[in-house]
PDB file of all heavy atoms in Angstrom:
ATOM      1  N   GLY A   1       1.476   3.642  -4.084  1.00  0.00           N
ATOM      2  CA  GLY A   1       2.600   3.132  -4.857  1.00  0.00           C
ATOM      3  C   GLY A   1       2.954   1.698  -4.536  1.00  0.00           C
ATOM      4  O   GLY A   1       3.989   1.190  -4.988  1.00  0.00           O
ATOM      5  N   ALA A   2       2.100   0.996  -3.769  1.00  0.00           N
ATOM      6  CA  ALA A   2       2.372  -0.395  -3.409  1.00  0.00           C
ATOM      7  C   ALA A   2       2.223  -1.309  -4.624  1.00  0.00           C
ATOM      8  O   ALA A   2       1.570  -0.968  -5.612  1.00  0.00           O
ATOM      9  CB  ALA A   2       1.411  -0.837  -2.301  1.00  0.00           C
ATOM     10  N   LEU A   3       2.828  -2.485  -4.532  1.00  0.00           N
ATOM     11  CA  LEU A   3       2.698  -3.484  -5.587  1.00  0.00           C
ATOM     12  C   LEU A   3       1.249  -3.941  -5.675  1.00  0.00           C
ATOM     13  O   LEU A   3       0.618  -4.239  -4.660  1.00  0.00           O
ATOM     14  CB  LEU A   3       3.605  -4.689  -5.285  1.00  0.00           C
ATOM     15  CG  LEU A   3       3.558  -5.857  -6.282  1.00  0.00           C
ATOM     16  CD1 LEU A   3       4.091  -5.417  -7.647  1.00  0.00           C
ATOM     17  CD2 LEU A   3       4.350  -7.045  -5.741  1.00  0.00           C
ATOM     18  N   ASP A   4       0.702  -3.996  -6.892  1.00  0.00           N
ATOM     19  CA  ASP A   4      -0.689  -4.391  -7.112  1.00  0.00           C
ATOM     20  C   ASP A   4      -0.772  -5.910  -7.234  1.00  0.00           C
ATOM     21  O   ASP A   4      -0.377  -6.488  -8.241  1.00  0.00           O
ATOM     22  CB  ASP A   4      -1.210  -3.723  -8.386  1.00  0.00           C
ATOM     23  CG  ASP A   4      -2.694  -3.958  -8.605  1.00  0.00           C
ATOM     24  OD1 ASP A   4      -3.306  -4.695  -7.810  1.00  0.00           O
ATOM     25  OD2 ASP A   4      -3.242  -3.403  -9.580  1.00  0.00           O
ATOM     26  N   LEU A   5      -1.292  -6.564  -6.205  1.00  0.00           N
ATOM     27  CA  LEU A   5      -1.468  -8.014  -6.217  1.00  0.00           C
ATOM     28  C   LEU A   5      -2.833  -8.420  -6.754  1.00  0.00           C
ATOM     29  O   LEU A   5      -3.155  -9.613  -6.807  1.00  0.00           O
ATOM     30  CB  LEU A   5      -1.258  -8.587  -4.811  1.00  0.00           C
ATOM     31  CG  LEU A   5       0.134  -8.375  -4.217  1.00  0.00           C
ATOM     32  CD1 LEU A   5       0.216  -8.988  -2.826  1.00  0.00           C
ATOM     33  CD2 LEU A   5       1.215  -8.949  -5.120  1.00  0.00           C
ATOM     34  N   GLY A   6      -3.653  -7.440  -7.136  1.00  0.00           N
ATOM     35  CA  GLY A   6      -4.897  -7.735  -7.825  1.00  0.00           C
ATOM     36  C   GLY A   6      -6.112  -7.909  -6.931  1.00  0.00           C
ATOM     37  O   GLY A   6      -6.045  -7.840  -5.704  1.00  0.00           O
ATOM     38  N   CYS A   7      -7.233  -8.123  -7.610  1.00  0.00           N
ATOM     39  CA  CYS A   7      -8.540  -8.300  -6.975  1.00  0.00           C
ATOM     40  C   CYS A   7      -9.013  -9.713  -7.305  1.00  0.00           C
ATOM     41  O   CYS A   7      -9.043 -10.101  -8.476  1.00  0.00           O
ATOM     42  CB  CYS A   7      -9.510  -7.251  -7.527  1.00  0.00           C
ATOM     43  SG  CYS A   7     -11.192  -7.385  -6.919  1.00  0.00           S
ATOM     44  N   HIS A   8      -9.393 -10.485  -6.298  1.00  0.00           N
ATOM     45  CA  HIS A   8      -9.622 -11.919  -6.496  1.00  0.00           C
ATOM     46  C   HIS A   8     -10.921 -12.402  -5.846  1.00  0.00           C
ATOM     47  O   HIS A   8     -11.292 -11.945  -4.764  1.00  0.00           O
ATOM     48  CB  HIS A   8      -8.463 -12.723  -5.898  1.00  0.00           C
ATOM     49  CG  HIS A   8      -7.115 -12.244  -6.337  1.00  0.00           C
ATOM     50  ND1 HIS A   8      -6.556 -12.588  -7.548  1.00  0.00           N
ATOM     51  CD2 HIS A   8      -6.228 -11.411  -5.734  1.00  0.00           C
ATOM     52  CE1 HIS A   8      -5.373 -12.008  -7.672  1.00  0.00           C
ATOM     53  NE2 HIS A   8      -5.146 -11.289  -6.583  1.00  0.00           N
ATOM     54  N   GLY A   9     -11.578 -13.342  -6.500  1.00  0.00           N
ATOM     55  CA  GLY A   9     -12.709 -14.033  -5.906  1.00  0.00           C
ATOM     56  C   GLY A   9     -12.222 -15.109  -4.959  1.00  0.00           C
ATOM     57  O   GLY A   9     -11.266 -15.823  -5.263  1.00  0.00           O
ATOM     58  N   ARG A  10     -12.855 -15.216  -3.816  1.00  0.00           N
ATOM     59  CA  ARG A  10     -12.517 -16.245  -2.836  1.00  0.00           C
ATOM     60  C   ARG A  10     -13.789 -16.764  -2.169  1.00  0.00           C
ATOM     61  O   ARG A  10     -14.823 -16.103  -2.170  1.00  0.00           O
ATOM     62  CB  ARG A  10     -11.576 -15.691  -1.751  1.00  0.00           C
ATOM     63  CG  ARG A  10     -10.151 -15.417  -2.232  1.00  0.00           C
ATOM     64  CD  ARG A  10      -9.394 -16.697  -2.521  1.00  0.00           C
ATOM     65  NE  ARG A  10      -8.004 -16.441  -2.878  1.00  0.00           N
ATOM     66  CZ  ARG A  10      -7.546 -16.280  -4.110  1.00  0.00           C
ATOM     67  NH1 ARG A  10      -8.402 -16.318  -5.141  1.00  0.00           N
ATOM     68  NH2 ARG A  10      -6.267 -16.079  -4.341  1.00  0.00           N
ATOM     69  N   GLN A  11     -13.675 -17.947  -1.576  1.00  0.00           N
ATOM     70  CA  GLN A  11     -14.800 -18.571  -0.882  1.00  0.00           C
ATOM     71  C   GLN A  11     -14.579 -18.573   0.632  1.00  0.00           C
ATOM     72  O   GLN A  11     -15.061 -19.449   1.338  1.00  0.00           O
ATOM     73  CB  GLN A  11     -14.979 -20.014  -1.386  1.00  0.00           C
ATOM     74  CG  GLN A  11     -15.480 -20.124  -2.803  1.00  0.00           C
ATOM     75  CD  GLN A  11     -16.975 -19.913  -2.906  1.00  0.00           C
ATOM     76  OE1 GLN A  11     -17.679 -19.895  -1.895  1.00  0.00           O
ATOM     77  NE2 GLN A  11     -17.474 -19.737  -4.110  1.00  0.00           N
ATOM     78  N   TRP A  12     -13.862 -17.582   1.144  1.00  0.00           N
ATOM     79  CA  TRP A  12     -13.621 -17.499   2.573  1.00  0.00           C
ATOM     80  C   TRP A  12     -14.941 -17.354   3.325  1.00  0.00           C
ATOM     81  O   TRP A  12     -15.908 -16.786   2.820  1.00  0.00           O
ATOM     82  CB  TRP A  12     -12.707 -16.318   2.888  1.00  0.00           C
ATOM     83  CG  TRP A  12     -11.338 -16.461   2.306  1.00  0.00           C
ATOM     84  CD1 TRP A  12     -10.695 -17.621   1.977  1.00  0.00           C
ATOM     85  CD2 TRP A  12     -10.433 -15.396   1.979  1.00  0.00           C
ATOM     86  NE1 TRP A  12      -9.447 -17.345   1.470  1.00  0.00           N
ATOM     87  CE2 TRP A  12      -9.257 -15.994   1.462  1.00  0.00           C
ATOM     88  CE3 TRP A  12     -10.492 -13.999   2.083  1.00  0.00           C
ATOM     89  CZ2 TRP A  12      -8.164 -15.247   1.044  1.00  0.00           C
ATOM     90  CZ3 TRP A  12      -9.401 -13.257   1.666  1.00  0.00           C
ATOM     91  CH2 TRP A  12      -8.243 -13.868   1.159  1.00  0.00           C
ATOM     92  N   ILE A  13     -14.935 -17.844   4.552  1.00  0.00           N
ATOM     93  CA  ILE A  13     -16.157 -17.867   5.355  1.00  0.00           C
ATOM     94  C   ILE A  13     -16.785 -16.481   5.474  1.00  0.00           C
ATOM     95  O   ILE A  13     -17.991 -16.305   5.280  1.00  0.00           O
ATOM     96  CB  ILE A  13     -15.868 -18.435   6.764  1.00  0.00           C
ATOM     97  CG1 ILE A  13     -15.512 -19.932   6.671  1.00  0.00           C
ATOM     98  CG2 ILE A  13     -17.073 -18.245   7.681  1.00  0.00           C
ATOM     99  CD1 ILE A  13     -16.624 -20.813   6.175  1.00  0.00           C
ATOM    100  N   VAL A  14     -15.988 -15.460   5.786  1.00  0.00           N
ATOM    101  CA  VAL A  14     -16.560 -14.125   5.979  1.00  0.00           C
ATOM    102  C   VAL A  14     -17.184 -13.597   4.687  1.00  0.00           C
ATOM    103  O   VAL A  14     -18.187 -12.876   4.720  1.00  0.00           O
ATOM    104  CB  VAL A  14     -15.498 -13.136   6.515  1.00  0.00           C
ATOM    105  CG1 VAL A  14     -14.397 -12.874   5.479  1.00  0.00           C
ATOM    106  CG2 VAL A  14     -16.151 -11.819   6.938  1.00  0.00           C
ATOM    107  N   LEU A  15     -16.639 -13.970   3.536  1.00  0.00           N
ATOM    108  CA  LEU A  15     -17.188 -13.511   2.260  1.00  0.00           C
ATOM    109  C   LEU A  15     -18.458 -14.279   1.893  1.00  0.00           C
ATOM    110  O   LEU A  15     -19.386 -13.718   1.320  1.00  0.00           O
ATOM    111  CB  LEU A  15     -16.145 -13.670   1.151  1.00  0.00           C
ATOM    112  CG  LEU A  15     -14.842 -12.881   1.328  1.00  0.00           C
ATOM    113  CD1 LEU A  15     -13.859 -13.216   0.199  1.00  0.00           C
ATOM    114  CD2 LEU A  15     -15.109 -11.382   1.353  1.00  0.00           C
ATOM    115  N   ARG A  16     -18.495 -15.564   2.233  1.00  0.00           N
ATOM    116  CA  ARG A  16     -19.636 -16.407   1.859  1.00  0.00           C
ATOM    117  C   ARG A  16     -20.845 -16.200   2.760  1.00  0.00           C
ATOM    118  O   ARG A  16     -21.983 -16.246   2.299  1.00  0.00           O
ATOM    119  CB  ARG A  16     -19.254 -17.890   1.926  1.00  0.00           C
ATOM    120  CG  ARG A  16     -18.263 -18.351   0.890  1.00  0.00           C
ATOM    121  CD  ARG A  16     -17.926 -19.822   1.078  1.00  0.00           C
ATOM    122  NE  ARG A  16     -19.087 -20.670   0.899  1.00  0.00           N
ATOM    123  CZ  ARG A  16     -19.496 -21.580   1.772  1.00  0.00           C
ATOM    124  NH1 ARG A  16     -18.859 -21.746   2.908  1.00  0.00           N
ATOM    125  NH2 ARG A  16     -20.551 -22.326   1.505  1.00  0.00           N
ATOM    126  N   THR A  17     -20.594 -16.016   4.052  1.00  0.00           N
ATOM    127  CA  THR A  17     -21.699 -16.083   5.007  1.00  0.00           C
ATOM    128  C   THR A  17     -22.227 -14.722   5.449  1.00  0.00           C
ATOM    129  O   THR A  17     -23.309 -14.652   6.025  1.00  0.00           O
ATOM    130  CB  THR A  17     -21.283 -16.877   6.262  1.00  0.00           C
ATOM    131  OG1 THR A  17     -20.182 -16.220   6.889  1.00  0.00           O
ATOM    132  CG2 THR A  17     -20.859 -18.291   5.882  1.00  0.00           C
ATOM    133  N   THR A  18     -21.495 -13.650   5.211  1.00  0.00           N
ATOM    134  CA  THR A  18     -21.996 -12.329   5.583  1.00  0.00           C
ATOM    135  C   THR A  18     -23.155 -11.952   4.658  1.00  0.00           C
ATOM    136  O   THR A  18     -22.995 -11.940   3.438  1.00  0.00           O
ATOM    137  CB  THR A  18     -20.889 -11.266   5.472  1.00  0.00           C
ATOM    138  OG1 THR A  18     -19.787 -11.648   6.309  1.00  0.00           O
ATOM    139  CG2 THR A  18     -21.406  -9.900   5.907  1.00  0.00           C
ATOM    140  N   PRO A  19     -24.334 -11.648   5.207  1.00  0.00           N
ATOM    141  CA  PRO A  19     -25.514 -11.373   4.360  1.00  0.00           C
ATOM    142  C   PRO A  19     -25.519  -9.964   3.789  1.00  0.00           C
ATOM    143  O   PRO A  19     -26.517  -9.243   3.861  1.00  0.00           O
ATOM    144  CB  PRO A  19     -26.676 -11.591   5.338  1.00  0.00           C
ATOM    145  CG  PRO A  19     -26.122 -11.212   6.665  1.00  0.00           C
ATOM    146  CD  PRO A  19     -24.671 -11.650   6.641  1.00  0.00           C
ATOM    147  N   ALA A  20     -24.396  -9.551   3.231  1.00  0.00           N
ATOM    148  CA  ALA A  20     -24.264  -8.229   2.612  1.00  0.00           C
ATOM    149  C   ALA A  20     -23.024  -8.277   1.732  1.00  0.00           C
ATOM    150  O   ALA A  20     -22.105  -9.066   1.984  1.00  0.00           O
ATOM    151  CB  ALA A  20     -24.104  -7.139   3.679  1.00  0.00           C
ATOM    152  N   PRO A  21     -22.958  -7.453   0.679  1.00  0.00           N
ATOM    153  CA  PRO A  21     -21.739  -7.404  -0.134  1.00  0.00           C
ATOM    154  C   PRO A  21     -20.535  -7.104   0.755  1.00  0.00           C
ATOM    155  O   PRO A  21     -20.554  -6.157   1.539  1.00  0.00           O
ATOM    156  CB  PRO A  21     -22.018  -6.250  -1.109  1.00  0.00           C
ATOM    157  CG  PRO A  21     -23.502  -6.170  -1.190  1.00  0.00           C
ATOM    158  CD  PRO A  21     -23.994  -6.525   0.173  1.00  0.00           C
ATOM    159  N   THR A  22     -19.502  -7.923   0.640  1.00  0.00           N
ATOM    160  CA  THR A  22     -18.348  -7.824   1.535  1.00  0.00           C
ATOM    161  C   THR A  22     -17.055  -7.719   0.733  1.00  0.00           C
ATOM    162  O   THR A  22     -16.833  -8.476  -0.209  1.00  0.00           O
ATOM    163  CB  THR A  22     -18.292  -9.037   2.478  1.00  0.00           C
ATOM    164  OG1 THR A  22     -19.523  -9.105   3.222  1.00  0.00           O
ATOM    165  CG2 THR A  22     -17.128  -8.935   3.443  1.00  0.00           C
ATOM    166  N   ILE A  23     -16.217  -6.778   1.134  1.00  0.00           N
ATOM    167  CA  ILE A  23     -14.931  -6.515   0.497  1.00  0.00           C
ATOM    168  C   ILE A  23     -13.844  -6.765   1.541  1.00  0.00           C
ATOM    169  O   ILE A  23     -13.931  -6.258   2.663  1.00  0.00           O
ATOM    170  CB  ILE A  23     -14.852  -5.054   0.014  1.00  0.00           C
ATOM    171  CG1 ILE A  23     -15.961  -4.764  -1.012  1.00  0.00           C
ATOM    172  CG2 ILE A  23     -13.477  -4.724  -0.546  1.00  0.00           C
ATOM    173  CD1 ILE A  23     -16.256  -3.282  -1.174  1.00  0.00           C
ATOM    174  N   TYR A  24     -12.836  -7.558   1.190  1.00  0.00           N
ATOM    175  CA  TYR A  24     -11.738  -7.842   2.119  1.00  0.00           C
ATOM    176  C   TYR A  24     -10.470  -7.202   1.564  1.00  0.00           C
ATOM    177  O   TYR A  24     -10.080  -7.464   0.424  1.00  0.00           O
ATOM    178  CB  TYR A  24     -11.536  -9.350   2.276  1.00  0.00           C
ATOM    179  CG  TYR A  24     -10.653  -9.752   3.434  1.00  0.00           C
ATOM    180  CD1 TYR A  24     -11.188 -10.375   4.548  1.00  0.00           C
ATOM    181  CD2 TYR A  24      -9.286  -9.499   3.416  1.00  0.00           C
ATOM    182  CE1 TYR A  24     -10.383 -10.742   5.621  1.00  0.00           C
ATOM    183  CE2 TYR A  24      -8.471  -9.858   4.476  1.00  0.00           C
ATOM    184  CZ  TYR A  24      -9.021 -10.479   5.575  1.00  0.00           C
ATOM    185  OH  TYR A  24      -8.226 -10.838   6.630  1.00  0.00           O
ATOM    186  N   LEU A  25      -9.827  -6.355   2.361  1.00  0.00           N
ATOM    187  CA  LEU A  25      -8.633  -5.629   1.927  1.00  0.00           C
ATOM    188  C   LEU A  25      -7.407  -6.089   2.706  1.00  0.00           C
ATOM    189  O   LEU A  25      -7.398  -6.057   3.941  1.00  0.00           O
ATOM    190  CB  LEU A  25      -8.814  -4.120   2.134  1.00  0.00           C
ATOM    191  CG  LEU A  25     -10.039  -3.473   1.474  1.00  0.00           C
ATOM    192  CD1 LEU A  25     -10.104  -2.001   1.856  1.00  0.00           C
ATOM    193  CD2 LEU A  25     -10.003  -3.647  -0.040  1.00  0.00           C
ATOM    194  N   ASP A  26      -6.378  -6.520   1.984  1.00  0.00           N
ATOM    195  CA  ASP A  26      -5.060  -6.764   2.585  1.00  0.00           C
ATOM    196  C   ASP A  26      -4.218  -5.528   2.313  1.00  0.00           C
ATOM    197  O   ASP A  26      -3.871  -5.241   1.165  1.00  0.00           O
ATOM    198  CB  ASP A  26      -4.402  -7.999   1.959  1.00  0.00           C
ATOM    199  CG  ASP A  26      -4.673  -9.259   2.756  1.00  0.00           C
ATOM    200  OD1 ASP A  26      -4.996  -9.143   3.951  1.00  0.00           O
ATOM    201  OD2 ASP A  26      -4.559 -10.355   2.186  1.00  0.00           O
ATOM    202  N   MET A  27      -3.872  -4.788   3.367  1.00  0.00           N
ATOM    203  CA  MET A  27      -3.224  -3.492   3.206  1.00  0.00           C
ATOM    204  C   MET A  27      -1.706  -3.580   3.055  1.00  0.00           C
ATOM    205  O   MET A  27      -1.048  -2.557   2.874  1.00  0.00           O
ATOM    206  CB  MET A  27      -3.569  -2.598   4.403  1.00  0.00           C
ATOM    207  CG  MET A  27      -5.062  -2.376   4.589  1.00  0.00           C
ATOM    208  SD  MET A  27      -5.437  -1.221   5.930  1.00  0.00           S
ATOM    209  CE  MET A  27      -4.827  -2.125   7.365  1.00  0.00           C
ATOM    210  N   GLY A  28      -1.139  -4.783   3.129  1.00  0.00           N
ATOM    211  CA  GLY A  28       0.300  -4.931   2.991  1.00  0.00           C
ATOM    212  C   GLY A  28       0.841  -5.986   3.936  1.00  0.00           C
ATOM    213  O   GLY A  28       0.131  -6.501   4.803  1.00  0.00           O
ATOM    214  N   TYR A  29       2.118  -6.311   3.776  1.00  0.00           N
ATOM    215  CA  TYR A  29       2.772  -7.359   4.563  1.00  0.00           C
ATOM    216  C   TYR A  29       3.579  -6.755   5.707  1.00  0.00           C
ATOM    217  O   TYR A  29       4.551  -6.031   5.480  1.00  0.00           O
ATOM    218  CB  TYR A  29       3.691  -8.192   3.671  1.00  0.00           C
ATOM    219  CG  TYR A  29       2.966  -9.180   2.797  1.00  0.00           C
ATOM    220  CD1 TYR A  29       2.412  -8.788   1.587  1.00  0.00           C
ATOM    221  CD2 TYR A  29       2.831 -10.514   3.187  1.00  0.00           C
ATOM    222  CE1 TYR A  29       1.742  -9.695   0.779  1.00  0.00           C
ATOM    223  CE2 TYR A  29       2.166 -11.427   2.387  1.00  0.00           C
ATOM    224  CZ  TYR A  29       1.620 -11.015   1.182  1.00  0.00           C
ATOM    225  OH  TYR A  29       0.955 -11.916   0.392  1.00  0.00           O
ATOM    226  N   LEU A  30       3.190  -7.099   6.923  1.00  0.00           N
ATOM    227  CA  LEU A  30       3.956  -6.643   8.078  1.00  0.00           C
ATOM    228  C   LEU A  30       5.304  -7.348   8.153  1.00  0.00           C
ATOM    229  O   LEU A  30       6.213  -6.883   8.849  1.00  0.00           O
ATOM    230  CB  LEU A  30       3.164  -6.906   9.363  1.00  0.00           C
ATOM    231  CG  LEU A  30       1.864  -6.108   9.520  1.00  0.00           C
ATOM    232  CD1 LEU A  30       1.157  -6.491  10.808  1.00  0.00           C
ATOM    233  CD2 LEU A  30       2.145  -4.618   9.490  1.00  0.00           C
ATOM    234  N   SER A  31       5.446  -8.465   7.446  1.00  0.00           N
ATOM    235  CA  SER A  31       6.711  -9.200   7.434  1.00  0.00           C
ATOM    236  C   SER A  31       7.730  -8.577   6.494  1.00  0.00           C
ATOM    237  O   SER A  31       8.907  -8.951   6.519  1.00  0.00           O
ATOM    238  CB  SER A  31       6.454 -10.657   7.019  1.00  0.00           C
ATOM    239  OG  SER A  31       5.655 -10.706   5.839  1.00  0.00           O
ATOM    240  N   ASN A  32       7.296  -7.639   5.648  1.00  0.00           N
ATOM    241  CA  ASN A  32       8.205  -6.944   4.745  1.00  0.00           C
ATOM    242  C   ASN A  32       8.677  -5.661   5.417  1.00  0.00           C
ATOM    243  O   ASN A  32       7.856  -4.808   5.763  1.00  0.00           O
ATOM    244  CB  ASN A  32       7.489  -6.628   3.426  1.00  0.00           C
ATOM    245  CG  ASN A  32       8.366  -5.888   2.439  1.00  0.00           C
ATOM    246  OD1 ASN A  32       8.554  -4.678   2.538  1.00  0.00           O
ATOM    247  ND2 ASN A  32       8.897  -6.619   1.476  1.00  0.00           N
ATOM    248  N   PRO A  33       9.985  -5.486   5.636  1.00  0.00           N
ATOM    249  CA  PRO A  33      10.463  -4.307   6.377  1.00  0.00           C
ATOM    250  C   PRO A  33       9.991  -2.982   5.785  1.00  0.00           C
ATOM    251  O   PRO A  33       9.590  -2.074   6.518  1.00  0.00           O
ATOM    252  CB  PRO A  33      11.993  -4.444   6.298  1.00  0.00           C
ATOM    253  CG  PRO A  33      12.233  -5.908   6.125  1.00  0.00           C
ATOM    254  CD  PRO A  33      11.091  -6.404   5.287  1.00  0.00           C
ATOM    255  N   GLY A  34      10.002  -2.874   4.449  1.00  0.00           N
ATOM    256  CA  GLY A  34       9.595  -1.621   3.821  1.00  0.00           C
ATOM    257  C   GLY A  34       8.115  -1.325   4.017  1.00  0.00           C
ATOM    258  O   GLY A  34       7.742  -0.206   4.388  1.00  0.00           O
ATOM    259  N   GLU A  35       7.265  -2.327   3.792  1.00  0.00           N
ATOM    260  CA  GLU A  35       5.825  -2.110   3.954  1.00  0.00           C
ATOM    261  C   GLU A  35       5.460  -1.931   5.420  1.00  0.00           C
ATOM    262  O   GLU A  35       4.547  -1.166   5.748  1.00  0.00           O
ATOM    263  CB  GLU A  35       5.036  -3.270   3.340  1.00  0.00           C
ATOM    264  CG  GLU A  35       4.980  -3.193   1.838  1.00  0.00           C
ATOM    265  CD  GLU A  35       3.945  -4.103   1.219  1.00  0.00           C
ATOM    266  OE1 GLU A  35       3.430  -5.012   1.892  1.00  0.00           O
ATOM    267  OE2 GLU A  35       3.647  -3.895   0.036  1.00  0.00           O
ATOM    268  N   SER A  36       6.165  -2.640   6.295  1.00  0.00           N
ATOM    269  CA  SER A  36       5.920  -2.481   7.719  1.00  0.00           C
ATOM    270  C   SER A  36       6.177  -1.034   8.138  1.00  0.00           C
ATOM    271  O   SER A  36       5.394  -0.430   8.882  1.00  0.00           O
ATOM    272  CB  SER A  36       6.822  -3.431   8.509  1.00  0.00           C
ATOM    273  OG  SER A  36       6.663  -3.234   9.896  1.00  0.00           O
ATOM    274  N   GLU A  37       7.258  -0.473   7.630  1.00  0.00           N
ATOM    275  CA  GLU A  37       7.594   0.923   7.945  1.00  0.00           C
ATOM    276  C   GLU A  37       6.552   1.870   7.345  1.00  0.00           C
ATOM    277  O   GLU A  37       6.136   2.835   7.993  1.00  0.00           O
ATOM    278  CB  GLU A  37       8.987   1.237   7.394  1.00  0.00           C
ATOM    279  CG  GLU A  37       9.502   2.621   7.756  1.00  0.00           C
ATOM    280  CD  GLU A  37      10.911   2.865   7.253  1.00  0.00           C
ATOM    281  OE1 GLU A  37      11.668   1.884   7.096  1.00  0.00           O
ATOM    282  OE2 GLU A  37      11.253   4.043   7.014  1.00  0.00           O
TER     283      GLU A  37
END
């Protein structure tokens, strides 16, 4: 039920240089009291 921030292309080092398909997941904001809980 979390807010959907979408799926995005990025040129981050781990995505560019890892020699395999790589998926990066942000599971939520620890700075947000509700999501932190």
